[in-house]
C-alpha atoms as a PDB file:
ATOM      1  CA  UNK A   1      73.072  37.232 111.883  1.00  0.00           C
ATOM      2  CA  UNK A   2      74.144  39.621 109.047  1.00  0.00           C
ATOM      3  CA  UNK A   3      76.993  41.620 110.480  1.00  0.00           C
ATOM      4  CA  UNK A   4      78.927  44.560 109.082  1.00  0.00           C
ATOM      5  CA  UNK A   5      82.531  44.787 110.403  1.00  0.00           C
ATOM      6  CA  UNK A   6      83.880  48.315 109.930  1.00  0.00           C
ATOM      7  CA  UNK A   7      87.645  47.938 109.701  1.00  0.00           C
ATOM      8  CA  UNK A   8      87.135  44.397 108.570  1.00  0.00           C
ATOM      9  CA  UNK A   9      90.670  44.252 106.970  1.00  0.00           C
ATOM     10  CA  UNK A  10      92.335  45.555 110.085  1.00  0.00           C
ATOM     11  CA  UNK A  11      94.187  43.778 112.840  1.00  0.00           C
ATOM     12  CA  UNK A  12      91.253  43.420 115.295  1.00  0.00           C
ATOM     13  CA  UNK A  13      88.395  43.574 112.745  1.00  0.00           C
ATOM     14  CA  UNK A  14      89.945  40.941 110.561  1.00  0.00           C
ATOM     15  CA  UNK A  15      90.148  38.301 113.245  1.00  0.00           C
ATOM     16  CA  UNK A  16      86.696  39.092 114.516  1.00  0.00           C
ATOM     17  CA  UNK A  17      85.271  38.841 110.981  1.00  0.00           C
ATOM     18  CA  UNK A  18      87.010  35.540 110.356  1.00  0.00           C
ATOM     19  CA  UNK A  19      85.662  34.077 113.653  1.00  0.00           C
ATOM     20  CA  UNK A  20      82.128  35.341 112.904  1.00  0.00           C
ATOM     21  CA  UNK A  21      82.287  33.732 109.516  1.00  0.00           C
ATOM     22  CA  UNK A  22      83.383  30.399 110.987  1.00  0.00           C
ATOM     23  CA  UNK A  23      80.432  30.650 113.413  1.00  0.00           C
ATOM     24  CA  UNK A  24      78.054  30.784 110.602  1.00  0.00           C
ATOM     25  CA  UNK A  25      77.230  34.552 110.467  1.00  0.00           C
ATOM     26  CA  UNK A  26      76.928  36.447 107.207  1.00  0.00           C
ATOM     27  CA  UNK A  27      79.857  38.897 107.293  1.00  0.00           C
ATOM     28  CA  UNK A  28      80.182  42.113 105.299  1.00  0.00           C
ATOM     29  CA  UNK A  29      83.561  43.721 105.463  1.00  0.00           C
ATOM     30  CA  UNK A  30      83.637  47.514 105.552  1.00  0.00           C
ATOM     31  CA  UNK A  31      86.798  49.181 104.404  1.00  0.00           C
ATOM     32  CA  UNK A  32      87.919  52.707 103.421  1.00  0.00           C
ATOM     33  CA  UNK A  33      89.537  51.472 100.112  1.00  0.00           C
ATOM     34  CA  UNK A  34      87.906  49.436  97.316  1.00  0.00           C
ATOM     35  CA  UNK A  35      88.894  45.808  97.769  1.00  0.00           C
ATOM     36  CA  UNK A  36      87.647  42.234  96.774  1.00  0.00           C
ATOM     37  CA  UNK A  37      86.830  39.409  99.110  1.00  0.00           C
ATOM     38  CA  UNK A  38      89.994  38.196 100.854  1.00  0.00           C
ATOM     39  CA  UNK A  39      91.362  34.584 100.561  1.00  0.00           C
ATOM     40  CA  UNK A  40      90.857  34.171 104.331  1.00  0.00           C
ATOM     41  CA  UNK A  41      87.045  34.951 104.122  1.00  0.00           C
ATOM     42  CA  UNK A  42      86.021  34.414 100.451  1.00  0.00           C
ATOM     43  CA  UNK A  43      82.398  34.248 101.260  1.00  0.00           C
ATOM     44  CA  UNK A  44      82.285  37.841 102.601  1.00  0.00           C
ATOM     45  CA  UNK A  45      81.018  40.713 100.740  1.00  0.00           C
ATOM     46  CA  UNK A  46      83.212  43.821 100.808  1.00  0.00           C
ATOM     47  CA  UNK A  47      81.820  47.398 100.736  1.00  0.00           C
ATOM     48  CA  UNK A  48      83.675  50.683 100.601  1.00  0.00           C
ATOM     49  CA  UNK A  49      82.422  52.849 103.556  1.00  0.00           C
ATOM     50  CA  UNK A  50      81.845  56.483 102.725  1.00  0.00           C
ATOM     51  CA  UNK A  51      82.520  57.920 106.182  1.00  0.00           C
ATOM     52  CA  UNK A  52      81.721  61.555 105.210  1.00  0.00           C
ATOM     53  CA  UNK A  53      78.419  60.654 103.435  1.00  0.00           C
ATOM     54  CA  UNK A  54      75.507  60.110 105.880  1.00  0.00           C
ATOM     55  CA  UNK A  55      73.189  58.748 103.191  1.00  0.00           C
ATOM     56  CA  UNK A  56      75.818  56.310 101.953  1.00  0.00           C
ATOM     57  CA  UNK A  57      76.508  55.079 105.452  1.00  0.00           C
ATOM     58  CA  UNK A  58      72.810  54.415 106.036  1.00  0.00           C
ATOM     59  CA  UNK A  59      72.782  52.337 102.711  1.00  0.00           C
ATOM     60  CA  UNK A  60      75.719  50.409 104.014  1.00  0.00           C
ATOM     61  CA  UNK A  61      73.930  49.697 107.285  1.00  0.00           C
ATOM     62  CA  UNK A  62      70.593  48.797 105.829  1.00  0.00           C
ATOM     63  CA  UNK A  63      69.766  45.004 106.328  1.00  0.00           C
ATOM     64  CA  UNK A  64      72.444  44.461 108.955  1.00  0.00           C
ATOM     65  CA  UNK A  65      71.496  42.857 112.335  1.00  0.00           C
ATOM     66  CA  UNK A  66      74.723  44.152 114.058  1.00  0.00           C
ATOM     67  CA  UNK A  67      77.714  46.352 113.324  1.00  0.00           C
ATOM     68  CA  UNK A  68      81.156  45.756 114.813  1.00  0.00           C
ATOM     69  CA  UNK A  69      83.166  49.074 114.760  1.00  0.00           C
ATOM     70  CA  UNK A  70      86.765  48.127 114.818  1.00  0.00           C
ATOM     71  CA  UNK A  71      87.985  50.942 112.519  1.00  0.00           C
ATOM     72  CA  UNK A  72      90.056  53.772 113.824  1.00  0.00           C
ATOM     73  CA  UNK A  73      93.261  55.744 113.804  1.00  0.00           C
ATOM     74  CA  UNK A  74      96.219  54.316 115.759  1.00  0.00           C
ATOM     75  CA  UNK A  75      97.920  56.171 118.531  1.00  0.00           C
ATOM     76  CA  UNK A  76     100.881  57.398 116.433  1.00  0.00           C
ATOM     77  CA  UNK A  77      98.620  58.841 113.737  1.00  0.00           C
ATOM     78  CA  UNK A  78      96.324  60.390 116.405  1.00  0.00           C
ATOM     79  CA  UNK A  79      99.338  62.262 117.981  1.00  0.00           C
ATOM     80  CA  UNK A  80     100.467  63.498 114.579  1.00  0.00           C
ATOM     81  CA  UNK A  81      96.932  64.836 113.740  1.00  0.00           C
ATOM     82  CA  UNK A  82      94.640  65.280 116.755  1.00  0.00           C
ATOM     83  CA  UNK A  83      91.923  66.941 114.654  1.00  0.00           C
ATOM     84  CA  UNK A  84      91.766  64.065 112.230  1.00  0.00           C
ATOM     85  CA  UNK A  85      91.760  61.704 115.338  1.00  0.00           C
ATOM     86  CA  UNK A  86      88.659  63.397 116.651  1.00  0.00           C
ATOM     87  CA  UNK A  87      87.146  63.581 113.212  1.00  0.00           C
ATOM     88  CA  UNK A  88      87.372  59.778 112.608  1.00  0.00           C
ATOM     89  CA  UNK A  89      87.369  58.092 116.018  1.00  0.00           C
ATOM     90  CA  UNK A  90      84.713  60.551 117.244  1.00  0.00           C
ATOM     91  CA  UNK A  91      82.650  62.244 114.633  1.00  0.00           C
ATOM     92  CA  UNK A  92      82.755  59.511 112.022  1.00  0.00           C
ATOM     93  CA  UNK A  93      81.560  57.080 114.769  1.00  0.00           C
ATOM     94  CA  UNK A  94      78.680  59.407 115.537  1.00  0.00           C
ATOM     95  CA  UNK A  95      77.759  59.285 111.783  1.00  0.00           C
ATOM     96  CA  UNK A  96      77.896  55.493 111.782  1.00  0.00           C
ATOM     97  CA  UNK A  97      75.718  55.182 114.887  1.00  0.00           C
ATOM     98  CA  UNK A  98      73.163  57.682 113.511  1.00  0.00           C
ATOM     99  CA  UNK A  99      73.128  55.705 110.214  1.00  0.00           C
ATOM    100  CA  UNK A 100      72.700  52.422 112.042  1.00  0.00           C
ATOM    101  CA  UNK A 101      69.747  53.856 114.071  1.00  0.00           C
ATOM    102  CA  UNK A 102      68.047  55.103 110.802  1.00  0.00           C
ATOM    103  CA  UNK A 103      68.696  51.831 109.011  1.00  0.00           C
ATOM    104  CA  UNK A 104      67.157  49.833 111.905  1.00  0.00           C
ATOM    105  CA  UNK A 105      70.335  48.107 113.062  1.00  0.00           C
ATOM    106  CA  UNK A 106      69.701  46.604 116.540  1.00  0.00           C
ATOM    107  CA  UNK A 107      73.313  46.122 117.848  1.00  0.00           C
ATOM    108  CA  UNK A 108      76.472  48.055 117.719  1.00  0.00           C
ATOM    109  CA  UNK A 109      79.708  46.933 119.194  1.00  0.00           C
ATOM    110  CA  UNK A 110      82.430  49.638 119.443  1.00  0.00           C
ATOM    111  CA  UNK A 111      86.166  48.947 120.206  1.00  0.00           C
ATOM    112  CA  UNK A 112      87.782  51.528 122.447  1.00  0.00           C
ATOM    113  CA  UNK A 113      90.977  51.297 124.308  1.00  0.00           C
ATOM    114  CA  UNK A 114      92.254  50.863 127.884  1.00  0.00           C
ATOM    115  CA  UNK A 115      94.394  53.921 127.331  1.00  0.00           C
ATOM    116  CA  UNK A 116      91.364  56.270 127.952  1.00  0.00           C
ATOM    117  CA  UNK A 117      92.227  55.777 131.669  1.00  0.00           C
ATOM    118  CA  UNK A 118      95.820  56.809 131.548  1.00  0.00           C
ATOM    119  CA  UNK A 119      98.903  56.869 129.403  1.00  0.00           C
ATOM    120  CA  UNK A 120     100.574  54.428 131.794  1.00  0.00           C
ATOM    121  CA  UNK A 121      98.199  51.977 133.366  1.00  0.00           C
ATOM    122  CA  UNK A 122      98.673  51.213 137.076  1.00  0.00           C
ATOM    123  CA  UNK A 123      96.640  50.259 140.113  1.00  0.00           C
ATOM    124  CA  UNK A 124      93.293  48.607 139.988  1.00  0.00           C
ATOM    125  CA  UNK A 125      91.250  49.764 136.995  1.00  0.00           C
ATOM    126  CA  UNK A 126      87.616  49.129 136.684  1.00  0.00           C
ATOM    127  CA  UNK A 127      84.912  50.713 134.574  1.00  0.00           C
ATOM    128  CA  UNK A 128      84.355  53.096 137.473  1.00  0.00           C
ATOM    129  CA  UNK A 129      87.891  54.431 137.172  1.00  0.00           C
ATOM    130  CA  UNK A 130      87.766  58.021 135.749  1.00  0.00           C
ATOM    131  CA  UNK A 131      89.330  58.314 132.305  1.00  0.00           C
ATOM    132  CA  UNK A 132      92.130  60.871 132.525  1.00  0.00           C
ATOM    133  CA  UNK A 133      94.352  60.411 129.558  1.00  0.00           C
ATOM    134  CA  UNK A 134      94.557  63.617 127.372  1.00  0.00           C
ATOM    135  CA  UNK A 135      96.422  61.926 124.502  1.00  0.00           C
ATOM    136  CA  UNK A 136      94.342  62.393 121.281  1.00  0.00           C
ATOM    137  CA  UNK A 137      94.220  58.631 120.773  1.00  0.00           C
ATOM    138  CA  UNK A 138      92.334  58.455 124.292  1.00  0.00           C
ATOM    139  CA  UNK A 139      90.113  61.450 123.945  1.00  0.00           C
ATOM    140  CA  UNK A 140      88.917  60.644 120.451  1.00  0.00           C
ATOM    141  CA  UNK A 141      88.051  57.090 121.381  1.00  0.00           C
ATOM    142  CA  UNK A 142      86.240  58.414 124.575  1.00  0.00           C
ATOM    143  CA  UNK A 143      84.200  60.582 122.166  1.00  0.00           C
ATOM    144  CA  UNK A 144      83.326  57.509 120.136  1.00  0.00           C
ATOM    145  CA  UNK A 145      82.317  55.532 123.212  1.00  0.00           C
ATOM    146  CA  UNK A 146      79.949  58.250 124.370  1.00  0.00           C
ATOM    147  CA  UNK A 147      78.049  58.243 121.095  1.00  0.00           C
ATOM    148  CA  UNK A 148      77.465  54.526 121.357  1.00  0.00           C
ATOM    149  CA  UNK A 149      76.514  54.565 125.061  1.00  0.00           C
ATOM    150  CA  UNK A 150      74.190  57.594 124.550  1.00  0.00           C
ATOM    151  CA  UNK A 151      72.289  55.728 121.809  1.00  0.00           C
ATOM    152  CA  UNK A 152      72.087  52.686 123.937  1.00  0.00           C
ATOM    153  CA  UNK A 153      70.830  54.684 126.941  1.00  0.00           C
ATOM    154  CA  UNK A 154      67.863  56.040 124.897  1.00  0.00           C
ATOM    155  CA  UNK A 155      67.269  52.452 123.685  1.00  0.00           C
ATOM    156  CA  UNK A 156      67.874  53.328 120.049  1.00  0.00           C
ATOM    157  CA  UNK A 157      70.351  50.294 119.821  1.00  0.00           C
ATOM    158  CA  UNK A 158      71.798  47.698 122.000  1.00  0.00           C
ATOM    159  CA  UNK A 159      75.258  49.193 122.385  1.00  0.00           C
ATOM    160  CA  UNK A 160      78.454  47.607 123.698  1.00  0.00           C
ATOM    161  CA  UNK A 161      81.738  49.325 124.219  1.00  0.00           C
ATOM    162  CA  UNK A 162      84.955  47.295 124.828  1.00  0.00           C
ATOM    163  CA  UNK A 163      87.932  49.075 126.360  1.00  0.00           C
ATOM    164  CA  UNK A 164      90.572  46.814 124.958  1.00  0.00           C
ATOM    165  CA  UNK A 165      93.834  46.167 126.734  1.00  0.00           C
ATOM    166  CA  UNK A 166      97.018  44.712 125.131  1.00  0.00           C
ATOM    167  CA  UNK A 167      95.723  42.305 122.542  1.00  0.00           C
ATOM    168  CA  UNK A 168      98.131  40.192 120.699  1.00  0.00           C
ATOM    169  CA  UNK A 169      98.095  37.440 118.039  1.00  0.00           C
ATOM    170  CA  UNK A 170      97.964  36.518 114.423  1.00  0.00           C
ATOM    171  CA  UNK A 171      96.585  38.977 111.895  1.00  0.00           C
ATOM    172  CA  UNK A 172      94.694  37.582 109.000  1.00  0.00           C
ATOM    173  CA  UNK A 173      97.405  38.628 106.537  1.00  0.00           C
ATOM    174  CA  UNK A 174     100.958  39.870 106.945  1.00  0.00           C
ATOM    175  CA  UNK A 175     100.229  43.426 105.532  1.00  0.00           C
ATOM    176  CA  UNK A 176      98.140  44.465 108.536  1.00  0.00           C
ATOM    177  CA  UNK A 177      99.842  47.327 110.394  1.00  0.00           C
ATOM    178  CA  UNK A 178     100.416  45.377 113.636  1.00  0.00           C
ATOM    179  CA  UNK A 179     104.110  44.711 113.765  1.00  0.00           C
ATOM    180  CA  UNK A 180     104.897  47.478 116.167  1.00  0.00           C
ATOM    181  CA  UNK A 181     102.867  45.714 118.901  1.00  0.00           C
ATOM    182  CA  UNK A 182     105.057  44.039 121.433  1.00  0.00           C
ATOM    183  CA  UNK A 183     104.350  40.323 121.001  1.00  0.00           C
ATOM    184  CA  UNK A 184     103.995  40.550 117.245  1.00  0.00           C
ATOM    185  CA  UNK A 185     107.323  42.538 117.073  1.00  0.00           C
ATOM    186  CA  UNK A 186     109.030  39.876 119.173  1.00  0.00           C
ATOM    187  CA  UNK A 187     107.629  37.106 116.890  1.00  0.00           C
ATOM    188  CA  UNK A 188     109.073  38.856 113.864  1.00  0.00           C
ATOM    189  CA  UNK A 189     112.377  39.566 115.612  1.00  0.00           C
ATOM    190  CA  UNK A 190     112.665  35.761 116.331  1.00  0.00           C
ATOM    191  CA  UNK A 191     112.445  35.065 112.688  1.00  0.00           C
ATOM    192  CA  UNK A 192     114.476  37.999 111.181  1.00  0.00           C
ATOM    193  CA  UNK A 193     117.244  38.650 113.798  1.00  0.00           C
ATOM    194  CA  UNK A 194     117.566  35.517 115.829  1.00  0.00           C
ATOM    195  CA  UNK A 195     117.375  37.390 119.063  1.00  0.00           C
ATOM    196  CA  UNK A 196     114.771  39.320 121.122  1.00  0.00           C
ATOM    197  CA  UNK A 197     115.703  42.966 121.787  1.00  0.00           C
ATOM    198  CA  UNK A 198     113.857  45.244 124.174  1.00  0.00           C
ATOM    199  CA  UNK A 199     114.193  48.969 124.456  1.00  0.00           C
ATOM    200  CA  UNK A 200     113.772  48.854 128.294  1.00  0.00           C
ATOM    201  CA  UNK A 201     114.516  46.328 131.022  1.00  0.00           C
ATOM    202  CA  UNK A 202     111.086  44.935 130.419  1.00  0.00           C
ATOM    203  CA  UNK A 203     109.789  45.335 133.888  1.00  0.00           C
ATOM    204  CA  UNK A 204     106.658  47.206 133.080  1.00  0.00           C
ATOM    205  CA  UNK A 205     103.431  45.419 133.623  1.00  0.00           C
ATOM    206  CA  UNK A 206     100.842  44.832 130.861  1.00  0.00           C
ATOM    207  CA  UNK A 207      97.490  43.197 130.720  1.00  0.00           C
ATOM    208  CA  UNK A 208      97.599  40.818 127.766  1.00  0.00           C
ATOM    209  CA  UNK A 209      94.905  39.011 125.971  1.00  0.00           C
ATOM    210  CA  UNK A 210      94.701  36.980 122.724  1.00  0.00           C
ATOM    211  CA  UNK A 211      92.915  38.128 119.595  1.00  0.00           C
ATOM    212  CA  UNK A 212      91.099  34.781 119.893  1.00  0.00           C
ATOM    213  CA  UNK A 213      89.543  36.057 123.171  1.00  0.00           C
ATOM    214  CA  UNK A 214      88.723  39.431 121.657  1.00  0.00           C
ATOM    215  CA  UNK A 215      86.750  37.663 118.967  1.00  0.00           C
ATOM    216  CA  UNK A 216      85.066  35.313 121.439  1.00  0.00           C
ATOM    217  CA  UNK A 217      84.007  38.333 123.523  1.00  0.00           C
ATOM    218  CA  UNK A 218      82.111  39.675 120.555  1.00  0.00           C
ATOM    219  CA  UNK A 219      80.420  36.311 119.907  1.00  0.00           C
ATOM    220  CA  UNK A 220      79.452  36.302 123.502  1.00  0.00           C
ATOM    221  CA  UNK A 221      77.706  39.732 123.597  1.00  0.00           C
ATOM    222  CA  UNK A 222      75.932  39.672 120.285  1.00  0.00           C
ATOM    223  CA  UNK A 223      73.040  37.416 121.447  1.00  0.00           C
ATOM    224  CA  UNK A 224      72.835  38.827 124.998  1.00  0.00           C
ATOM    225  CA  UNK A 225      70.032  41.104 125.919  1.00  0.00           C
ATOM    226  CA  UNK A 226      70.560  44.654 127.276  1.00  0.00           C
ATOM    227  CA  UNK A 227      69.242  43.597 130.716  1.00  0.00           C
ATOM    228  CA  UNK A 228      72.312  41.397 131.153  1.00  0.00           C
ATOM    229  CA  UNK A 229      74.710  43.869 129.539  1.00  0.00           C
ATOM    230  CA  UNK A 230      73.667  46.791 131.650  1.00  0.00           C
ATOM    231  CA  UNK A 231      75.097  50.060 130.552  1.00  0.00           C
ATOM    232  CA  UNK A 232      77.125  48.275 127.917  1.00  0.00           C
ATOM    233  CA  UNK A 233      80.542  49.442 128.951  1.00  0.00           C
ATOM    234  CA  UNK A 234      83.184  46.660 129.604  1.00  0.00           C
ATOM    235  CA  UNK A 235      86.927  46.483 130.176  1.00  0.00           C
ATOM    236  CA  UNK A 236      88.275  43.636 127.939  1.00  0.00           C
ATOM    237  CA  UNK A 237      91.404  42.215 129.383  1.00  0.00           C
ATOM    238  CA  UNK A 238      93.027  38.862 129.820  1.00  0.00           C
ATOM    239  CA  UNK A 239      91.295  38.048 132.996  1.00  0.00           C
ATOM    240  CA  UNK A 240      94.495  37.004 134.738  1.00  0.00           C
ATOM    241  CA  UNK A 241      97.312  38.763 136.568  1.00  0.00           C
ATOM    242  CA  UNK A 242      99.253  41.342 134.696  1.00  0.00           C
ATOM    243  CA  UNK A 243     102.594  40.141 133.185  1.00  0.00           C
ATOM    244  CA  UNK A 244     105.735  41.999 132.673  1.00  0.00           C
ATOM    245  CA  UNK A 245     107.125  42.692 129.209  1.00  0.00           C
ATOM    246  CA  UNK A 246     110.105  40.579 130.107  1.00  0.00           C
ATOM    247  CA  UNK A 247     107.988  37.591 131.160  1.00  0.00           C
ATOM    248  CA  UNK A 248     106.129  37.799 127.808  1.00  0.00           C
ATOM    249  CA  UNK A 249     109.464  38.000 126.027  1.00  0.00           C
ATOM    250  CA  UNK A 250     110.564  34.944 127.831  1.00  0.00           C
ATOM    251  CA  UNK A 251     107.435  33.087 126.734  1.00  0.00           C
ATOM    252  CA  UNK A 252     107.979  34.011 123.072  1.00  0.00           C
ATOM    253  CA  UNK A 253     111.625  32.639 123.479  1.00  0.00           C
ATOM    254  CA  UNK A 254     110.212  29.418 125.078  1.00  0.00           C
ATOM    255  CA  UNK A 255     107.693  28.881 122.329  1.00  0.00           C
ATOM    256  CA  UNK A 256     110.357  29.479 119.640  1.00  0.00           C
ATOM    257  CA  UNK A 257     112.618  26.800 121.185  1.00  0.00           C
ATOM    258  CA  UNK A 258     109.716  24.399 121.502  1.00  0.00           C
ATOM    259  CA  UNK A 259     108.954  24.799 117.793  1.00  0.00           C
ATOM    260  CA  UNK A 260     112.491  25.008 116.393  1.00  0.00           C
ATOM    261  CA  UNK A 261     114.836  23.686 119.037  1.00  0.00           C
ATOM    262  CA  UNK A 262     116.758  26.908 118.872  1.00  0.00           C
ATOM    263  CA  UNK A 263     117.458  29.296 121.838  1.00  0.00           C
ATOM    264  CA  UNK A 264     116.884  32.998 121.481  1.00  0.00           C
ATOM    265  CA  UNK A 265     119.088  35.475 123.500  1.00  0.00           C
ATOM    266  CA  UNK A 266     117.133  38.364 125.095  1.00  0.00           C
ATOM    267  CA  UNK A 267     118.912  41.595 124.832  1.00  0.00           C
ATOM    268  CA  UNK A 268     117.856  44.403 127.131  1.00  0.00           C
ATOM    269  CA  UNK A 269     119.228  47.382 129.075  1.00  0.00           C
ATOM    270  CA  UNK A 270     120.070  46.832 132.845  1.00  0.00           C
ATOM    271  CA  UNK A 271     117.177  47.690 135.143  1.00  0.00           C
ATOM    272  CA  UNK A 272     117.106  51.173 136.421  1.00  0.00           C
ATOM    273  CA  UNK A 273     114.805  53.169 138.747  1.00  0.00           C
ATOM    274  CA  UNK A 274     112.080  52.066 141.007  1.00  0.00           C
ATOM    275  CA  UNK A 275     110.034  48.839 140.500  1.00  0.00           C
ATOM    276  CA  UNK A 276     106.831  49.207 138.331  1.00  0.00           C
ATOM    277  CA  UNK A 277     103.568  49.846 140.077  1.00  0.00           C
ATOM    278  CA  UNK A 278     100.991  47.076 140.496  1.00  0.00           C
ATOM    279  CA  UNK A 279      98.393  46.679 137.666  1.00  0.00           C
ATOM    280  CA  UNK A 280      95.076  44.944 137.913  1.00  0.00           C
ATOM    281  CA  UNK A 281      92.836  45.636 134.832  1.00  0.00           C
ATOM    282  CA  UNK A 282      89.663  44.288 135.920  1.00  0.00           C
ATOM    283  CA  UNK A 283      87.303  42.478 133.451  1.00  0.00           C
ATOM    284  CA  UNK A 284      85.058  41.330 136.397  1.00  0.00           C
ATOM    285  CA  UNK A 285      82.127  43.218 134.922  1.00  0.00           C
ATOM    286  CA  UNK A 286      82.276  41.278 131.658  1.00  0.00           C
ATOM    287  CA  UNK A 287      83.025  37.957 133.334  1.00  0.00           C
ATOM    288  CA  UNK A 288      79.807  38.452 135.418  1.00  0.00           C
ATOM    289  CA  UNK A 289      77.841  38.202 132.222  1.00  0.00           C
ATOM    290  CA  UNK A 290      79.169  34.619 131.642  1.00  0.00           C
ATOM    291  CA  UNK A 291      82.152  35.340 129.486  1.00  0.00           C
ATOM    292  CA  UNK A 292      85.299  33.292 130.123  1.00  0.00           C
ATOM    293  CA  UNK A 293      88.618  33.846 128.441  1.00  0.00           C
ATOM    294  CA  UNK A 294      90.308  30.798 126.916  1.00  0.00           C
ATOM    295  CA  UNK A 295      93.699  32.441 127.477  1.00  0.00           C
ATOM    296  CA  UNK A 296      95.490  30.190 125.008  1.00  0.00           C
ATOM    297  CA  UNK A 297      98.685  32.312 125.024  1.00  0.00           C
ATOM    298  CA  UNK A 298     101.112  29.524 123.722  1.00  0.00           C
ATOM    299  CA  UNK A 299      98.784  28.682 120.803  1.00  0.00           C
ATOM    300  CA  UNK A 300      98.374  32.369 119.813  1.00  0.00           C
ATOM    301  CA  UNK A 301     102.177  32.882 119.894  1.00  0.00           C
ATOM    302  CA  UNK A 302     102.808  29.732 118.034  1.00  0.00           C
ATOM    303  CA  UNK A 303     100.412  30.767 115.283  1.00  0.00           C
ATOM    304  CA  UNK A 304     102.037  34.208 115.073  1.00  0.00           C
ATOM    305  CA  UNK A 305     105.500  32.654 114.860  1.00  0.00           C
ATOM    306  CA  UNK A 306     104.285  30.412 112.133  1.00  0.00           C
ATOM    307  CA  UNK A 307     102.990  33.448 110.088  1.00  0.00           C
ATOM    308  CA  UNK A 308     106.204  35.282 110.632  1.00  0.00           C
ATOM    309  CA  UNK A 309     108.342  32.303 109.503  1.00  0.00           C
ATOM    310  CA  UNK A 310     106.154  32.143 106.261  1.00  0.00           C
ATOM    311  CA  UNK A 311     106.108  35.897 105.656  1.00  0.00           C
ATOM    312  CA  UNK A 312     109.520  37.110 106.952  1.00  0.00           C
ATOM    313  CA  UNK A 313     111.712  33.972 107.010  1.00  0.00           C
ATOM    314  CA  UNK A 314     115.136  34.276 105.472  1.00  0.00           C
END
């Protein structure tokens, strides 16, 4: 397949693009800034996406079999500029989908977020759970979702929306804006400070999954027909029980010791307040289509630690 990855130099988009290329697909990297083909995917063509220009977007989509839309503003930027958040995550997504339809693209995969449900996830969450988060990051992504799902409903495209939980793992290059994410931050701390510091007691529960499984989910849905995908909306989580931030921190420390023989102290405030609520982020709907996560957490952490040692090592 010939596939355009919007946000192809980003954290999620870069890993997806790399895996698609390894699987034999022809990958085109879409980016806001002019760039050349990266060392990690030299065979890819790079195009600069003109998000405000409908005709230019249509030209970018022409000849593509599928579009993976992994571009978007992060939560901090959305909070700082809610209008820009809606303009890009919502309106620009609408322009891209309209361009894809006009260009005859058959498949669009859009990456949304689990945070559409709530700012703090708790309880059992399925695709039937009502999205209630009013943060601009959530509402703007919800607007983008609805564009894709509406086009799929009227059979203009085969549309898939992934509500992504806490993905972690190795970016394709160190300059990706991903080092504020928990596991990535812990891996960098291991290399740069020799200890793992948490801002809380670490008892909060999170649904973690590897970037490897994010990319595998894309490979899974691309050839699947609409009859199997239903309405196209899927929670994309780790498929296992939620883990505490502390337990993930302990796993990073364990992997560091396995790789280097060195122990890492974990520094955290004393627990205070009630125990965290139970979290079950259900990916049962996606699993029912035949997808199965590999859940290679140690491998993903080891690879991230290796990148950090090369990029940030003293």
